[in-house]
Amino acid sequence: MLKDSAPRIWRMRNNLYRIRYSKCKACGASFYPARASCIRCSSRDVEVRVSLGLGTLVEYTVLYQVPARMQDNAPMVIGVVRLDEGFELYGVIVDADIKDLR
């Protein structure tokens, strides 16, 4: 397995630090992760776009008991975000105070 090096991370930065999704030109559906065909109408007329990363927190939960290797991150917030482009994704919510989440 290759170790991550600074040059390798720099070359992969567009894939690592951007949310790339697909938008169907036939039916207008947006979906993540990016795919070669539409998940709604099966059209292959899709384009890959980069999300602005803006959206609404739909649901979240707070994990107070986390694996030992993640104790430094406790409590951890896991949430579902509906992005303005029309699709949802889930992950760890960072840089937010738990009491400010709604």
Protein backbone atom coordinates (compact mmCIF):
# COMPACT_ATOMS: atom_id res chain seq x y z
CA MET A 1 0.00 0.00 0.00
CA LEU A 2 1.30 3.44 -0.91
CA LYS A 3 1.90 5.91 1.85
CA ASP A 4 0.40 9.34 1.42
CA SER A 5 3.04 11.91 0.63
CA ALA A 6 2.69 15.66 0.27
CA PRO A 7 3.11 15.53 -3.55
CA ARG A 8 0.54 12.72 -3.88
CA ILE A 9 -2.00 14.56 -1.71
CA TRP A 10 -1.40 17.74 -3.74
CA ARG A 11 -2.11 15.86 -6.99
CA MET A 12 -5.30 14.34 -5.53
CA ARG A 13 -6.57 17.54 -3.86
CA ASN A 14 -9.45 18.02 -6.31
CA ASN A 15 -10.85 14.60 -5.42
CA LEU A 16 -10.03 14.70 -1.71
CA TYR A 17 -11.29 18.14 -0.76
CA ARG A 18 -14.24 18.73 -3.07
CA ILE A 19 -17.69 17.19 -3.24
CA ARG A 20 -18.02 15.99 -6.83
CA TYR A 21 -21.54 14.99 -7.87
CA SER A 22 -23.43 14.24 -11.07
CA LYS A 23 -26.33 16.18 -12.56
CA CYS A 24 -28.50 14.55 -15.21
CA LYS A 25 -29.14 16.74 -18.25
CA ALA A 26 -32.20 14.66 -19.19
CA CYS A 27 -34.25 14.73 -15.96
CA GLY A 28 -32.37 17.22 -13.76
CA ALA A 29 -31.59 14.78 -10.92
CA SER A 30 -28.50 15.41 -8.80
CA PHE A 31 -26.74 12.55 -7.07
CA TYR A 32 -23.66 11.76 -5.04
CA PRO A 33 -21.24 10.17 -5.56
CA ALA A 34 -20.72 11.06 -9.20
CA ARG A 35 -21.74 8.32 -11.65
CA ALA A 36 -21.66 7.79 -15.40
CA SER A 37 -25.44 7.27 -15.66
CA CYS A 38 -28.48 8.77 -13.94
CA ILE A 39 -29.89 6.85 -10.98
CA ARG A 40 -33.41 8.15 -11.75
CA CYS A 41 -33.83 7.80 -15.54
CA SER A 42 -30.70 5.79 -16.52
CA SER A 43 -29.62 8.46 -19.03
CA ARG A 44 -25.90 8.61 -19.74
CA ASP A 45 -26.17 12.34 -20.44
CA VAL A 46 -24.77 13.47 -17.09
CA GLU A 47 -22.15 15.99 -16.13
CA VAL A 48 -19.86 16.00 -13.11
CA ARG A 49 -20.04 19.15 -11.03
CA VAL A 50 -18.43 20.44 -7.84
CA SER A 51 -20.75 21.31 -4.96
CA LEU A 52 -20.52 24.66 -3.24
CA GLY A 53 -20.82 22.76 0.04
CA LEU A 54 -23.81 24.72 1.31
CA GLY A 55 -26.85 22.99 2.73
CA THR A 56 -29.09 22.21 5.67
CA LEU A 57 -28.47 19.80 8.53
CA VAL A 58 -31.41 17.38 8.32
CA GLU A 59 -30.62 14.99 11.18
CA TYR A 60 -27.79 14.37 13.58
CA THR A 61 -26.79 12.29 16.54
CA VAL A 62 -24.12 12.81 19.16
CA LEU A 63 -21.80 9.91 19.97
CA TYR A 64 -20.42 10.12 23.48
CA GLN A 65 -18.94 6.62 23.44
CA VAL A 66 -16.49 6.26 20.59
CA PRO A 67 -13.76 3.69 19.84
CA ALA A 68 -10.61 4.03 21.92
CA ARG A 69 -8.57 5.34 18.99
CA MET A 70 -11.07 8.22 18.58
CA GLN A 71 -11.33 9.34 22.21
CA ASP A 72 -9.73 12.68 21.36
CA ASN A 73 -12.75 13.44 19.14
CA ALA A 74 -15.48 12.63 21.69
CA PRO A 75 -18.21 13.68 21.69
CA MET A 76 -18.57 13.16 17.93
CA VAL A 77 -21.48 14.43 15.84
CA ILE A 78 -22.67 12.36 12.87
CA GLY A 79 -25.23 14.00 10.60
CA VAL A 80 -27.15 14.03 7.33
CA VAL A 81 -26.85 17.21 5.25
CA ARG A 82 -29.14 18.10 2.35
CA LEU A 83 -26.97 20.15 0.02
CA ASP A 84 -28.41 23.02 -2.00
CA GLU A 85 -27.71 21.07 -5.21
CA GLY A 86 -30.45 18.58 -4.25
CA PHE A 87 -28.78 15.49 -2.78
CA GLU A 88 -27.98 14.30 0.73
CA LEU A 89 -24.81 12.98 2.25
CA TYR A 90 -23.78 11.96 5.73
CA GLY A 91 -20.61 12.22 7.71
CA VAL A 92 -18.91 13.67 10.74
CA ILE A 93 -19.95 17.24 11.49
CA VAL A 94 -16.88 19.29 12.42
CA ASP A 95 -16.19 22.89 13.38
CA ALA A 96 -19.62 23.26 15.00
CA ASP A 97 -20.62 23.59 18.64
CA ILE A 98 -23.11 20.87 19.62
CA LYS A 99 -25.39 23.36 21.38
CA ASP A 100 -25.71 25.39 18.15
CA LEU A 101 -26.96 22.46 16.03
CA ARG A 102 -30.66 22.32 15.14
